[in-house]
Structures are given as structure tokens and as C-alpha cells.
N, C-alpha and C. Protein backbone atom coordinates (compact mmCIF):
# COMPACT_ATOMS: atom_id res chain seq x y z
N MET A 1 -19.64 -5.07 3.67
CA MET A 1 -18.02 -5.08 3.17
C MET A 1 -17.61 -6.34 3.80
N VAL A 2 -16.58 -6.59 2.53
CA VAL A 2 -15.68 -8.11 2.87
C VAL A 2 -14.31 -7.87 3.01
N PRO A 3 -13.76 -8.23 4.16
CA PRO A 3 -12.32 -7.83 4.20
C PRO A 3 -11.39 -8.57 3.26
N ILE A 4 -10.36 -7.74 2.79
CA ILE A 4 -9.62 -7.82 1.81
C ILE A 4 -8.76 -9.00 2.12
N ASP A 5 -8.20 -9.08 2.93
CA ASP A 5 -7.34 -10.10 3.76
C ASP A 5 -7.56 -10.48 5.54
N GLU A 6 -7.38 -11.63 5.77
CA GLU A 6 -7.68 -11.93 7.13
C GLU A 6 -6.32 -12.31 7.88
N ASP A 7 -6.28 -12.38 9.38
CA ASP A 7 -5.49 -12.67 9.77
C ASP A 7 -3.76 -12.71 9.49
N VAL A 8 -3.46 -11.22 9.31
CA VAL A 8 -2.00 -10.55 8.70
C VAL A 8 -1.49 -10.18 10.09
N THR A 9 -0.67 -10.10 10.12
CA THR A 9 0.32 -9.46 11.16
C THR A 9 0.06 -7.55 10.97
N TYR A 10 0.22 -6.73 12.06
CA TYR A 10 0.26 -5.40 12.08
C TYR A 10 1.04 -4.91 11.02
N GLY A 11 2.34 -5.50 10.99
CA GLY A 11 3.63 -5.02 9.92
C GLY A 11 3.21 -5.33 8.58
N ALA A 12 2.71 -6.63 8.26
CA ALA A 12 2.01 -7.00 6.71
C ALA A 12 0.83 -6.11 6.36
N ASP A 13 0.04 -5.68 7.40
CA ASP A 13 -1.02 -5.05 7.13
C ASP A 13 -0.87 -3.59 6.44
N ARG A 14 0.51 -3.27 7.19
CA ARG A 14 0.60 -1.56 7.05
C ARG A 14 1.61 -1.71 5.40
N GLY A 15 2.03 -3.09 5.43
CA GLY A 15 2.89 -2.98 3.74
C GLY A 15 1.64 -3.59 2.75
N TYR A 16 0.95 -3.87 3.16
CA TYR A 16 -0.65 -4.12 2.34
C TYR A 16 -1.04 -2.78 1.92
N GLU A 17 -1.26 -2.24 2.88
CA GLU A 17 -2.01 -1.12 2.98
C GLU A 17 -1.04 0.45 2.21
N GLN A 18 0.44 0.19 2.19
CA GLN A 18 1.52 1.06 1.20
C GLN A 18 0.88 0.50 -0.11
N HIS A 19 1.21 -1.07 -0.59
CA HIS A 19 0.85 -1.48 -1.75
C HIS A 19 -0.20 -0.91 -2.71
N TYR A 20 -1.03 -1.00 -1.68
CA TYR A 20 -2.38 -0.56 -2.08
C TYR A 20 -2.47 0.95 -2.60
N ILE A 21 -1.92 1.71 -1.94
CA ILE A 21 -1.80 3.48 -2.23
C ILE A 21 -0.86 3.51 -3.30
N ASP A 22 0.31 2.74 -3.38
CA ASP A 22 1.38 2.94 -4.71
C ASP A 22 0.26 2.55 -5.99
N ASN A 23 -0.35 1.61 -5.51
CA ASN A 23 -0.67 0.86 -7.08
C ASN A 23 -1.99 1.11 -7.53
N ALA A 24 -3.00 1.75 -6.80
CA ALA A 24 -4.13 2.04 -7.08
C ALA A 24 -4.31 3.35 -7.45
N GLY A 25 -3.48 4.03 -7.81
CA GLY A 25 -3.74 5.68 -7.99
C GLY A 25 -4.46 6.29 -6.98
N VAL A 26 -4.38 6.18 -5.94
CA VAL A 26 -4.91 7.06 -4.70
C VAL A 26 -3.91 8.12 -4.14
N LYS A 27 -2.74 8.07 -4.52
CA LYS A 27 -1.83 8.77 -3.76
C LYS A 27 -1.56 10.26 -4.81
N LYS A 28 -2.59 11.17 -5.01
CA LYS A 28 -1.92 11.84 -5.88
C LYS A 28 -1.92 13.16 -5.28
N GLU A 29 -2.75 13.58 -4.39
CA GLU A 29 -3.06 14.79 -3.80
C GLU A 29 -1.50 15.54 -3.09
N VAL A 30 -2.09 16.70 -2.50
CA VAL A 30 -0.98 17.62 -2.23
C VAL A 30 -1.05 17.72 -0.61
N ARG A 31 0.17 17.10 0.08
CA ARG A 31 0.09 17.55 1.51
C ARG A 31 0.34 18.84 1.62
N GLY A 32 -0.45 19.67 2.79
CA GLY A 32 -0.29 21.10 3.07
C GLY A 32 -1.36 21.64 2.08
N GLU A 33 -2.16 21.21 1.03
CA GLU A 33 -2.90 22.09 0.56
C GLU A 33 -4.30 21.47 1.17
N PRO A 34 -5.16 22.80 0.94
CA PRO A 34 -6.51 22.66 1.47
C PRO A 34 -7.57 21.59 0.50
N ILE A 35 -7.94 20.77 1.44
CA ILE A 35 -8.96 20.00 0.56
C ILE A 35 -9.83 20.56 -0.15
N SER A 36 -9.77 20.08 -1.54
CA SER A 36 -10.86 20.70 -2.53
C SER A 36 -11.31 19.36 -3.61
N GLU A 37 -12.02 19.91 -4.28
CA GLU A 37 -12.26 18.73 -5.51
C GLU A 37 -11.20 18.42 -5.78
N MET A 38 -10.35 19.03 -6.11
CA MET A 38 -9.04 18.62 -6.70
C MET A 38 -7.82 18.11 -5.90
N ASN A 39 -8.27 17.82 -4.54
CA ASN A 39 -7.05 17.64 -3.89
C ASN A 39 -7.71 16.64 -2.45
N ARG A 40 -8.19 15.61 -2.86
CA ARG A 40 -8.42 14.91 -1.87
C ARG A 40 -8.18 13.27 -2.22
N GLY A 41 -8.12 12.54 -0.75
CA GLY A 41 -7.54 11.36 -1.27
C GLY A 41 -6.29 11.11 -0.03
N ASN A 42 -5.83 9.93 -0.43
CA ASN A 42 -4.51 9.81 0.49
C ASN A 42 -3.49 10.75 -0.12
N LYS A 43 -2.89 11.40 1.20
CA LYS A 43 -1.72 12.31 0.90
C LYS A 43 -0.72 11.72 1.38
N ILE A 44 -0.86 10.74 2.37
CA ILE A 44 0.50 10.35 2.98
C ILE A 44 0.69 9.13 2.60
N ASN A 45 1.95 8.42 2.84
CA ASN A 45 1.69 6.88 2.98
C ASN A 45 1.33 6.19 4.14
N SER A 46 1.15 4.95 3.82
CA SER A 46 0.63 4.30 5.33
C SER A 46 2.23 3.88 6.26
N CYS A 47 3.29 3.71 5.48
CA CYS A 47 4.83 3.73 6.08
C CYS A 47 5.70 4.18 5.38
N ASP A 48 6.64 5.10 6.17
CA ASP A 48 7.75 5.88 5.77
C ASP A 48 9.17 4.99 5.16
N ARG A 49 9.10 4.78 4.10
CA ARG A 49 10.40 3.61 3.47
C ARG A 49 11.45 4.38 3.80
N GLU A 50 11.65 5.48 4.05
CA GLU A 50 12.98 6.25 4.28
C GLU A 50 12.99 6.51 5.60
N SER A 51 12.33 5.78 6.52
CA SER A 51 12.42 5.86 7.92
C SER A 51 13.57 5.85 8.79
N LYS A 52 14.18 6.84 9.59
CA LYS A 52 15.70 6.67 10.29
C LYS A 52 15.47 6.33 11.72
N THR A 53 13.98 6.63 11.72
CA THR A 53 13.83 6.62 13.55
C THR A 53 13.27 5.17 13.87
N ARG A 54 12.37 4.16 13.19
CA ARG A 54 11.75 3.15 13.12
C ARG A 54 12.62 1.65 13.16
N ASP A 55 12.64 0.99 14.10
CA ASP A 55 13.29 -0.29 14.20
C ASP A 55 13.41 -0.85 13.05
N ASN A 56 14.72 -1.59 12.80
CA ASN A 56 14.91 -2.18 11.75
C ASN A 56 13.97 -3.51 10.93
N ASP A 57 13.69 -4.03 12.17
CA ASP A 57 12.69 -5.41 12.03
C ASP A 57 11.36 -4.52 11.81
N ARG A 58 11.21 -3.72 12.28
CA ARG A 58 9.33 -3.57 12.07
C ARG A 58 9.45 -2.75 10.73
N GLN A 59 10.53 -2.14 10.44
CA GLN A 59 10.81 -1.50 8.64
C GLN A 59 10.76 -2.81 7.90
N ALA A 60 11.47 -3.93 8.16
CA ALA A 60 11.68 -4.76 7.47
C ALA A 60 10.18 -5.43 7.34
N ALA A 61 9.43 -6.01 8.20
CA ALA A 61 8.05 -6.39 8.51
C ALA A 61 7.16 -5.20 7.26
N PHE A 62 7.13 -4.15 7.23
CA PHE A 62 6.76 -3.39 6.60
C PHE A 62 6.70 -4.04 5.15
N GLU A 63 8.00 -3.55 4.85
CA GLU A 63 8.46 -4.07 3.42
C GLU A 63 8.19 -5.66 3.04
N ALA A 64 8.52 -5.99 3.78
CA ALA A 64 8.12 -7.51 3.59
C ALA A 64 6.25 -7.60 3.09
N GLY A 65 5.50 -7.03 4.08
CA GLY A 65 4.48 -7.09 3.61
C GLY A 65 3.63 -6.54 2.07
N SER A 66 4.61 -5.40 1.92
CA SER A 66 4.23 -4.97 0.77
C SER A 66 4.59 -5.72 -0.45
N LYS A 67 5.65 -6.27 -0.58
CA LYS A 67 6.37 -6.82 -1.27
C LYS A 67 5.23 -8.32 -1.19
N GLU A 68 4.96 -9.13 -0.35
CA GLU A 68 4.15 -9.95 -0.35
C GLU A 68 3.19 -9.84 -1.40
N LYS A 69 2.28 -8.66 -0.91
CA LYS A 69 0.90 -8.07 -1.71
C LYS A 69 1.41 -7.87 -2.95
N GLU A 70 2.24 -7.00 -3.43
CA GLU A 70 2.80 -7.03 -4.97
C GLU A 70 2.96 -8.49 -5.52
N ASP A 71 3.72 -9.53 -5.11
CA ASP A 71 3.84 -10.95 -5.62
C ASP A 71 2.51 -11.31 -5.99
N GLU A 72 1.34 -11.27 -4.79
CA GLU A 72 0.26 -11.77 -4.90
C GLU A 72 -0.25 -11.51 -6.17
N VAL A 73 -0.53 -10.03 -6.36
CA VAL A 73 -1.25 -9.39 -7.40
C VAL A 73 -0.75 -9.44 -8.62
N LYS A 74 0.42 -9.65 -8.77
CA LYS A 74 1.08 -10.20 -10.00
C LYS A 74 0.66 -11.46 -10.48
N LYS A 75 1.08 -12.06 -9.27
CA LYS A 75 0.42 -13.88 -9.92
C LYS A 75 -1.07 -13.75 -10.03
N LYS A 76 -1.84 -13.01 -9.47
CA LYS A 76 -3.30 -13.14 -9.70
C LYS A 76 -3.29 -12.78 -11.01
N LYS A 77 -2.89 -11.34 -11.56
CA LYS A 77 -2.90 -11.43 -12.69
C LYS A 77 -2.32 -11.97 -13.92
N GLN A 78 -1.54 -12.86 -13.70
CA GLN A 78 -0.76 -13.64 -14.76
C GLN A 78 -1.79 -14.77 -15.04
N GLU A 79 -2.57 -15.26 -13.76
CA GLU A 79 -3.43 -16.68 -13.94
C GLU A 79 -4.48 -16.04 -14.59
N GLU A 80 -5.16 -14.63 -14.70
CA GLU A 80 -6.13 -14.27 -15.20
C GLU A 80 -6.22 -13.50 -16.53
N GLY A 81 -4.77 -13.35 -16.62
CA GLY A 81 -4.30 -12.90 -18.01
C GLY A 81 -4.61 -11.25 -17.74
N ASP A 82 -4.94 -10.87 -16.47
CA ASP A 82 -5.51 -9.32 -16.67
C ASP A 82 -4.44 -8.20 -16.58
N GLY A 83 -4.20 -7.26 -17.77
CA GLY A 83 -3.37 -5.85 -17.47
C GLY A 83 -3.59 -4.92 -16.71
N GLU A 84 -4.68 -4.77 -16.19
CA GLU A 84 -5.18 -3.56 -15.51
C GLU A 84 -4.54 -3.62 -13.89
N LYS A 85 -4.53 -2.24 -13.85
CA LYS A 85 -4.22 -2.25 -12.35
C LYS A 85 -5.09 -2.49 -11.04
N CYS A 86 -5.12 -3.20 -10.40
CA CYS A 86 -5.76 -3.61 -9.42
C CYS A 86 -4.96 -3.79 -8.18
N PRO A 87 -5.84 -3.41 -6.72
CA PRO A 87 -5.27 -3.24 -5.82
C PRO A 87 -4.62 -5.11 -5.23
């Protein structure tokens, strides 16, 4: 196995993870439903974007990490001319 990213902060890592969940099509299952052939995979987000209890600086680090990964992927797609979804 090869790491996707190295030397990232905890906040950035959580943001990256959320970016992958949002854009790789892996969060489509229903929370609270039993695991089955049709209901398996990510059921929750890595970080709650609507959190009312998380420290603002920590929330900002998650959002910055997600935005950073989003920008990185967009740039890579433009350079490669690839319109496919990828993490």
C-alpha cells in the first residue's frame, strides 16, 4: 500500500478524508439501516460541516484541508485533461 499523502496535520487529514468521501461516490448508504449488500460503506462524514460544538479553529482546519484537496484534484484533472471523478 502506498500513502496518498504524507506529513499532513490532523485537521488537513480529516479535510482530505471528507473530500474523498464527498467525491468518490462512497457515501450513499443509510445510517441506522442494517448492513446489507445494498447498504454498506461510508455512512457518516469524516467531519461535520455544520458542527455547533467544535472549536472554530479546528473546524476551519478541516474545511481548509478539504478545500486544499479539492483544488489539488482540480488542478491535476486540468493538467491531465481527465474529466473522470477521482479522489
